[in-house]
Amino acid sequence: MALRHLYMRDYSTQNKRMVGCLAVDINRETNEVRYAFSVCSPLDVFQKDLAKRIAFSKLKSDKSSTVMQGNVPKTGHEITKWIMQDIVAKNEVQTKGVKRSVIGCTAAKDWLRYSEQQERTHEVSMSGN
């Protein structure tokens, strides 16, 4: 198992302010990735330690964490991409009786867009050599 975390950001702000924390547990032996995230209300002041503590607390809870099974990608970036796509898929549409996080969904979409832009920029700079 490998525990990791990363801070979720609002890429629409100039300083890409932090809005949450994503906690991840990777188990390559069982081909599972478990994740949970916390997000901060726009009315609150973001606190890194609190966000991290909440995310890891949720990760330990079967009710608050999500388990993804399948071939776990090899790189951390690809694992994060897989998780962000899952967050978007599970939080984009409101359904009866299912809690969703608009802030978490937006942060995941922003991460995916930003990551895609960085990949395209990298490809262009590599093709110019």
N, C-alpha and C. Protein backbone atom coordinates (compact mmCIF):
# COMPACT_ATOMS: atom_id res chain seq x y z
N MET A 1 0.83 -1.18 0.00
CA MET A 1 0.00 0.00 0.00
C MET A 1 0.88 1.24 0.00
N ALA A 2 0.39 2.26 -0.68
CA ALA A 2 1.11 3.52 -0.74
C ALA A 2 0.11 4.65 -0.51
N LEU A 3 0.28 5.36 0.59
CA LEU A 3 -0.60 6.50 0.88
C LEU A 3 -0.01 7.76 0.29
N ARG A 4 -0.87 8.53 -0.36
CA ARG A 4 -0.44 9.80 -0.96
C ARG A 4 -1.55 10.82 -0.77
N HIS A 5 -1.19 12.07 -0.93
CA HIS A 5 -2.22 13.11 -0.94
C HIS A 5 -1.78 14.22 -1.89
N LEU A 6 -2.77 14.96 -2.35
CA LEU A 6 -2.49 16.16 -3.13
C LEU A 6 -3.60 17.16 -2.86
N TYR A 7 -3.26 18.42 -3.00
CA TYR A 7 -4.24 19.47 -2.74
C TYR A 7 -4.97 19.80 -4.02
N MET A 8 -6.28 19.88 -3.90
CA MET A 8 -7.13 20.21 -5.04
C MET A 8 -7.19 21.73 -5.15
N ARG A 9 -7.20 22.22 -6.39
CA ARG A 9 -7.12 23.67 -6.62
C ARG A 9 -8.26 24.18 -7.49
N ASP A 10 -8.49 25.47 -7.36
CA ASP A 10 -9.44 26.17 -8.22
C ASP A 10 -8.59 26.87 -9.29
N TYR A 11 -8.52 26.27 -10.47
CA TYR A 11 -7.67 26.80 -11.53
C TYR A 11 -8.25 28.06 -12.19
N SER A 12 -9.47 28.43 -11.81
CA SER A 12 -10.05 29.64 -12.39
C SER A 12 -9.57 30.90 -11.68
N THR A 13 -8.92 30.74 -10.53
CA THR A 13 -8.39 31.90 -9.81
C THR A 13 -6.94 32.13 -10.23
N GLN A 14 -6.51 33.36 -10.11
CA GLN A 14 -5.16 33.72 -10.57
C GLN A 14 -4.08 32.93 -9.85
N ASN A 15 -4.23 32.72 -8.56
CA ASN A 15 -3.21 32.00 -7.80
C ASN A 15 -3.52 30.51 -7.64
N LYS A 16 -4.54 30.03 -8.36
CA LYS A 16 -4.94 28.61 -8.29
C LYS A 16 -5.12 28.20 -6.83
N ARG A 17 -5.98 28.92 -6.12
CA ARG A 17 -6.13 28.70 -4.69
C ARG A 17 -6.57 27.27 -4.37
N MET A 18 -6.11 26.78 -3.24
CA MET A 18 -6.44 25.42 -2.81
C MET A 18 -7.88 25.39 -2.29
N VAL A 19 -8.58 24.33 -2.65
CA VAL A 19 -9.98 24.17 -2.22
C VAL A 19 -10.23 22.85 -1.51
N GLY A 20 -9.25 21.94 -1.53
CA GLY A 20 -9.48 20.65 -0.90
C GLY A 20 -8.23 19.79 -0.91
N CYS A 21 -8.41 18.58 -0.41
CA CYS A 21 -7.32 17.62 -0.36
C CYS A 21 -7.84 16.26 -0.80
N LEU A 22 -7.06 15.59 -1.61
CA LEU A 22 -7.36 14.25 -2.10
C LEU A 22 -6.39 13.29 -1.42
N ALA A 23 -6.93 12.29 -0.72
CA ALA A 23 -6.12 11.26 -0.07
C ALA A 23 -6.27 9.97 -0.87
N VAL A 24 -5.16 9.30 -1.12
CA VAL A 24 -5.15 8.12 -1.99
C VAL A 24 -4.36 7.00 -1.33
N ASP A 25 -4.92 5.79 -1.45
CA ASP A 25 -4.24 4.58 -1.00
C ASP A 25 -4.15 3.64 -2.20
N ILE A 26 -2.93 3.35 -2.63
CA ILE A 26 -2.72 2.51 -3.81
C ILE A 26 -2.25 1.13 -3.35
N ASN A 27 -2.95 0.10 -3.79
CA ASN A 27 -2.57 -1.27 -3.47
C ASN A 27 -2.40 -2.03 -4.77
N ARG A 28 -1.19 -2.13 -5.24
CA ARG A 28 -0.92 -2.79 -6.52
C ARG A 28 -1.12 -4.31 -6.44
N GLU A 29 -0.98 -4.88 -5.26
CA GLU A 29 -1.18 -6.32 -5.11
C GLU A 29 -2.62 -6.73 -5.39
N THR A 30 -3.57 -5.90 -4.96
CA THR A 30 -4.99 -6.21 -5.18
C THR A 30 -5.58 -5.43 -6.36
N ASN A 31 -4.74 -4.64 -7.04
CA ASN A 31 -5.20 -3.79 -8.14
C ASN A 31 -6.34 -2.87 -7.71
N GLU A 32 -6.13 -2.22 -6.56
CA GLU A 32 -7.14 -1.29 -6.04
C GLU A 32 -6.53 0.07 -5.75
N VAL A 33 -7.33 1.08 -6.00
CA VAL A 33 -7.00 2.44 -5.59
C VAL A 33 -8.21 2.93 -4.79
N ARG A 34 -7.95 3.32 -3.56
CA ARG A 34 -9.00 3.87 -2.70
C ARG A 34 -8.70 5.37 -2.56
N TYR A 35 -9.75 6.17 -2.67
CA TYR A 35 -9.54 7.62 -2.50
C TYR A 35 -10.70 8.25 -1.76
N ALA A 36 -10.42 9.39 -1.19
CA ALA A 36 -11.42 10.23 -0.55
C ALA A 36 -10.91 11.66 -0.63
N PHE A 37 -11.82 12.60 -0.60
CA PHE A 37 -11.38 13.99 -0.65
C PHE A 37 -12.21 14.86 0.26
N SER A 38 -11.62 15.96 0.65
CA SER A 38 -12.32 16.99 1.42
C SER A 38 -12.25 18.27 0.62
N VAL A 39 -13.29 19.07 0.74
CA VAL A 39 -13.28 20.39 0.08
C VAL A 39 -13.74 21.44 1.09
N CYS A 40 -13.29 22.63 0.86
CA CYS A 40 -13.56 23.76 1.74
C CYS A 40 -14.67 24.62 1.13
N SER A 41 -15.55 25.07 1.96
CA SER A 41 -16.57 26.01 1.51
C SER A 41 -15.89 27.30 1.04
N PRO A 42 -16.41 27.92 -0.01
CA PRO A 42 -15.81 29.19 -0.46
C PRO A 42 -15.87 30.28 0.61
N LEU A 43 -16.74 30.11 1.61
CA LEU A 43 -16.86 31.10 2.67
C LEU A 43 -15.82 30.91 3.78
N ASP A 44 -15.15 29.75 3.79
CA ASP A 44 -14.17 29.45 4.82
C ASP A 44 -12.75 29.74 4.34
N VAL A 45 -11.84 29.83 5.28
CA VAL A 45 -10.42 29.99 4.97
C VAL A 45 -9.82 28.58 4.88
N PHE A 46 -9.18 28.27 3.75
CA PHE A 46 -8.62 26.94 3.55
C PHE A 46 -7.46 26.71 4.50
N GLN A 47 -7.46 25.54 5.16
CA GLN A 47 -6.39 25.15 6.07
C GLN A 47 -5.85 23.80 5.61
N LYS A 48 -4.61 23.79 5.14
CA LYS A 48 -4.01 22.57 4.57
C LYS A 48 -4.07 21.39 5.55
N ASP A 49 -3.65 21.60 6.78
CA ASP A 49 -3.60 20.49 7.75
C ASP A 49 -4.99 19.93 8.02
N LEU A 50 -5.97 20.80 8.17
CA LEU A 50 -7.34 20.34 8.42
C LEU A 50 -7.88 19.58 7.21
N ALA A 51 -7.67 20.11 6.02
CA ALA A 51 -8.14 19.45 4.80
C ALA A 51 -7.52 18.06 4.67
N LYS A 52 -6.23 17.96 4.95
CA LYS A 52 -5.53 16.68 4.86
C LYS A 52 -6.06 15.70 5.91
N ARG A 53 -6.25 16.18 7.11
CA ARG A 53 -6.76 15.33 8.20
C ARG A 53 -8.16 14.80 7.86
N ILE A 54 -9.02 15.64 7.34
CA ILE A 54 -10.37 15.22 6.97
C ILE A 54 -10.34 14.22 5.83
N ALA A 55 -9.52 14.48 4.82
CA ALA A 55 -9.44 13.57 3.67
C ALA A 55 -8.96 12.18 4.11
N PHE A 56 -7.93 12.13 4.96
CA PHE A 56 -7.42 10.83 5.40
C PHE A 56 -8.41 10.14 6.34
N SER A 57 -9.16 10.91 7.12
CA SER A 57 -10.20 10.33 7.97
C SER A 57 -11.28 9.68 7.10
N LYS A 58 -11.66 10.36 6.03
CA LYS A 58 -12.64 9.81 5.09
C LYS A 58 -12.09 8.57 4.38
N LEU A 59 -10.80 8.60 4.08
CA LEU A 59 -10.17 7.47 3.40
C LEU A 59 -10.26 6.20 4.25
N LYS A 60 -10.16 6.35 5.56
CA LYS A 60 -10.25 5.20 6.46
C LYS A 60 -11.67 4.66 6.58
N SER A 61 -12.65 5.47 6.23
CA SER A 61 -14.05 5.09 6.36
C SER A 61 -14.56 4.42 5.08
N ASP A 62 -15.15 3.25 5.22
CA ASP A 62 -15.70 2.57 4.05
C ASP A 62 -16.83 3.36 3.40
N LYS A 63 -17.59 4.11 4.20
CA LYS A 63 -18.73 4.87 3.67
C LYS A 63 -18.30 6.13 2.93
N SER A 64 -17.16 6.69 3.32
CA SER A 64 -16.73 7.97 2.76
C SER A 64 -15.65 7.85 1.69
N SER A 65 -15.16 6.64 1.45
CA SER A 65 -14.10 6.49 0.46
C SER A 65 -14.64 5.74 -0.76
N THR A 66 -13.93 5.87 -1.85
CA THR A 66 -14.29 5.21 -3.10
C THR A 66 -13.17 4.24 -3.46
N VAL A 67 -13.55 3.03 -3.87
CA VAL A 67 -12.57 2.04 -4.28
C VAL A 67 -12.70 1.84 -5.78
N MET A 68 -11.57 1.98 -6.46
CA MET A 68 -11.52 1.73 -7.90
C MET A 68 -10.69 0.47 -8.11
N GLN A 69 -11.21 -0.44 -8.91
CA GLN A 69 -10.49 -1.68 -9.17
C GLN A 69 -10.19 -1.78 -10.66
N GLY A 70 -9.08 -2.41 -10.95
CA GLY A 70 -8.66 -2.58 -12.34
C GLY A 70 -7.16 -2.48 -12.42
N ASN A 71 -6.66 -2.41 -13.62
CA ASN A 71 -5.23 -2.27 -13.80
C ASN A 71 -4.79 -0.88 -13.34
N VAL A 72 -4.10 -0.85 -12.23
CA VAL A 72 -3.65 0.42 -11.67
C VAL A 72 -2.57 0.97 -12.60
N PRO A 73 -2.76 2.22 -13.06
CA PRO A 73 -1.73 2.82 -13.93
C PRO A 73 -0.37 2.83 -13.25
N LYS A 74 0.67 2.89 -14.07
CA LYS A 74 2.04 2.80 -13.57
C LYS A 74 2.53 4.08 -12.90
N THR A 75 2.13 5.24 -13.42
CA THR A 75 2.67 6.50 -12.88
C THR A 75 1.66 7.19 -11.96
N GLY A 76 2.20 7.99 -11.07
CA GLY A 76 1.35 8.78 -10.18
C GLY A 76 0.43 9.70 -10.94
N HIS A 77 0.94 10.30 -12.01
CA HIS A 77 0.13 11.20 -12.83
C HIS A 77 -1.07 10.47 -13.43
N GLU A 78 -0.84 9.28 -13.96
CA GLU A 78 -1.92 8.51 -14.58
C GLU A 78 -2.93 8.04 -13.53
N ILE A 79 -2.46 7.71 -12.33
CA ILE A 79 -3.38 7.35 -11.25
C ILE A 79 -4.24 8.55 -10.88
N THR A 80 -3.62 9.72 -10.76
CA THR A 80 -4.37 10.93 -10.43
C THR A 80 -5.39 11.23 -11.52
N LYS A 81 -5.01 11.08 -12.76
CA LYS A 81 -5.93 11.31 -13.88
C LYS A 81 -7.13 10.36 -13.79
N TRP A 82 -6.89 9.10 -13.49
CA TRP A 82 -7.93 8.09 -13.35
C TRP A 82 -8.90 8.49 -12.23
N ILE A 83 -8.35 8.94 -11.11
CA ILE A 83 -9.17 9.37 -9.97
C ILE A 83 -9.99 10.60 -10.33
N MET A 84 -9.35 11.60 -10.94
CA MET A 84 -10.06 12.83 -11.30
C MET A 84 -11.21 12.54 -12.27
N GLN A 85 -11.00 11.65 -13.21
CA GLN A 85 -12.07 11.27 -14.13
C GLN A 85 -13.22 10.60 -13.36
N ASP A 86 -12.88 9.80 -12.36
CA ASP A 86 -13.90 9.14 -11.55
C ASP A 86 -14.67 10.16 -10.71
N ILE A 87 -13.97 11.12 -10.14
CA ILE A 87 -14.63 12.17 -9.35
C ILE A 87 -15.63 12.91 -10.22
N VAL A 88 -15.22 13.28 -11.43
CA VAL A 88 -16.13 13.98 -12.35
C VAL A 88 -17.34 13.11 -12.66
N ALA A 89 -17.10 11.85 -13.01
CA ALA A 89 -18.19 10.95 -13.37
C ALA A 89 -19.19 10.78 -12.23
N LYS A 90 -18.71 10.77 -11.00
CA LYS A 90 -19.59 10.53 -9.85
C LYS A 90 -20.21 11.79 -9.27
N ASN A 91 -19.72 12.95 -9.66
CA ASN A 91 -20.20 14.19 -9.05
C ASN A 91 -20.78 15.20 -10.02
N GLU A 92 -20.76 14.89 -11.30
CA GLU A 92 -21.21 15.86 -12.29
C GLU A 92 -22.72 16.03 -12.31
N VAL A 93 -23.44 14.94 -12.15
CA VAL A 93 -24.90 14.98 -12.25
C VAL A 93 -25.52 14.68 -10.89
N GLN A 94 -26.47 15.50 -10.50
CA GLN A 94 -27.20 15.29 -9.25
C GLN A 94 -28.20 14.16 -9.44
N THR A 95 -28.19 13.19 -8.54
CA THR A 95 -29.18 12.12 -8.56
C THR A 95 -29.82 12.02 -7.19
N LYS A 96 -31.04 11.57 -7.16
CA LYS A 96 -31.78 11.50 -5.90
C LYS A 96 -31.09 10.54 -4.93
N GLY A 97 -30.91 11.02 -3.71
CA GLY A 97 -30.34 10.20 -2.66
C GLY A 97 -28.83 10.04 -2.71
N VAL A 98 -28.17 10.69 -3.65
CA VAL A 98 -26.72 10.58 -3.76
C VAL A 98 -26.09 11.94 -3.50
N LYS A 99 -25.17 11.98 -2.53
CA LYS A 99 -24.48 13.23 -2.24
C LYS A 99 -23.43 13.45 -3.32
N ARG A 100 -23.23 14.70 -3.68
CA ARG A 100 -22.19 15.02 -4.64
C ARG A 100 -21.47 16.28 -4.19
N SER A 101 -20.31 16.50 -4.75
CA SER A 101 -19.52 17.68 -4.42
C SER A 101 -19.28 18.48 -5.69
N VAL A 102 -19.94 19.61 -5.80
CA VAL A 102 -19.74 20.48 -6.95
C VAL A 102 -18.32 21.05 -6.94
N ILE A 103 -17.84 21.42 -5.76
CA ILE A 103 -16.49 21.98 -5.66
C ILE A 103 -15.46 20.92 -6.03
N GLY A 104 -15.62 19.70 -5.53
CA GLY A 104 -14.71 18.61 -5.87
C GLY A 104 -14.74 18.29 -7.35
N CYS A 105 -15.93 18.29 -7.93
CA CYS A 105 -16.09 18.02 -9.36
C CYS A 105 -15.40 19.10 -10.19
N THR A 106 -15.62 20.34 -9.82
CA THR A 106 -15.00 21.45 -10.54
C THR A 106 -13.48 21.40 -10.44
N ALA A 107 -12.97 21.10 -9.24
CA ALA A 107 -11.51 21.00 -9.05
C ALA A 107 -10.95 19.86 -9.90
N ALA A 108 -11.67 18.74 -9.97
CA ALA A 108 -11.20 17.60 -10.77
C ALA A 108 -11.22 17.95 -12.26
N LYS A 109 -12.29 18.61 -12.72
CA LYS A 109 -12.36 19.03 -14.13
C LYS A 109 -11.22 19.99 -14.45
N ASP A 110 -11.00 20.94 -13.54
CA ASP A 110 -9.92 21.91 -13.74
C ASP A 110 -8.57 21.21 -13.82
N TRP A 111 -8.34 20.23 -12.94
CA TRP A 111 -7.07 19.49 -12.95
C TRP A 111 -6.90 18.77 -14.29
N LEU A 112 -7.96 18.14 -14.76
CA LEU A 112 -7.89 17.41 -16.04
C LEU A 112 -7.58 18.36 -17.20
N ARG A 113 -8.24 19.52 -17.23
CA ARG A 113 -7.99 20.51 -18.29
C ARG A 113 -6.56 21.03 -18.21
N TYR A 114 -6.12 21.39 -17.02
CA TYR A 114 -4.77 21.92 -16.83
C TYR A 114 -3.73 20.87 -17.23
N SER A 115 -3.96 19.64 -16.82
CA SER A 115 -3.04 18.55 -17.14
C SER A 115 -2.96 18.34 -18.65
N GLU A 116 -4.11 18.39 -19.30
CA GLU A 116 -4.15 18.22 -20.76
C GLU A 116 -3.39 19.35 -21.46
N GLN A 117 -3.56 20.58 -20.97
CA GLN A 117 -2.84 21.72 -21.55
C GLN A 117 -1.33 21.54 -21.38
N GLN A 118 -0.91 21.07 -20.20
CA GLN A 118 0.51 20.87 -19.94
C GLN A 118 1.07 19.78 -20.85
N GLU A 119 0.29 18.71 -21.06
CA GLU A 119 0.74 17.62 -21.94
C GLU A 119 0.89 18.12 -23.37
N ARG A 120 -0.08 18.94 -23.84
CA ARG A 120 0.01 19.47 -25.21
C ARG A 120 1.20 20.40 -25.34
N THR A 121 1.43 21.25 -24.34
CA THR A 121 2.57 22.16 -24.36
C THR A 121 3.88 21.38 -24.40
N HIS A 122 3.94 20.31 -23.61
CA HIS A 122 5.14 19.47 -23.58
C HIS A 122 5.36 18.79 -24.93
N GLU A 123 4.29 18.30 -25.55
CA GLU A 123 4.40 17.64 -26.85
C GLU A 123 4.90 18.63 -27.91
N VAL A 124 4.38 19.85 -27.89
CA VAL A 124 4.80 20.87 -28.86
C VAL A 124 6.26 21.21 -28.67
N SER A 125 6.68 21.38 -27.40
CA SER A 125 8.08 21.74 -27.16
C SER A 125 9.02 20.59 -27.53
N MET A 126 8.57 19.35 -27.35
CA MET A 126 9.40 18.20 -27.72
C MET A 126 9.48 18.03 -29.23
N SER A 127 8.40 18.36 -29.96
CA SER A 127 8.42 18.20 -31.41
C SER A 127 9.26 19.26 -32.08
N GLY A 128 9.52 20.36 -31.37
CA GLY A 128 10.32 21.45 -31.93
C GLY A 128 11.81 21.19 -31.86
N ASN A 129 12.21 20.14 -31.15
CA ASN A 129 13.65 19.85 -31.01
C ASN A 129 14.20 19.11 -32.19
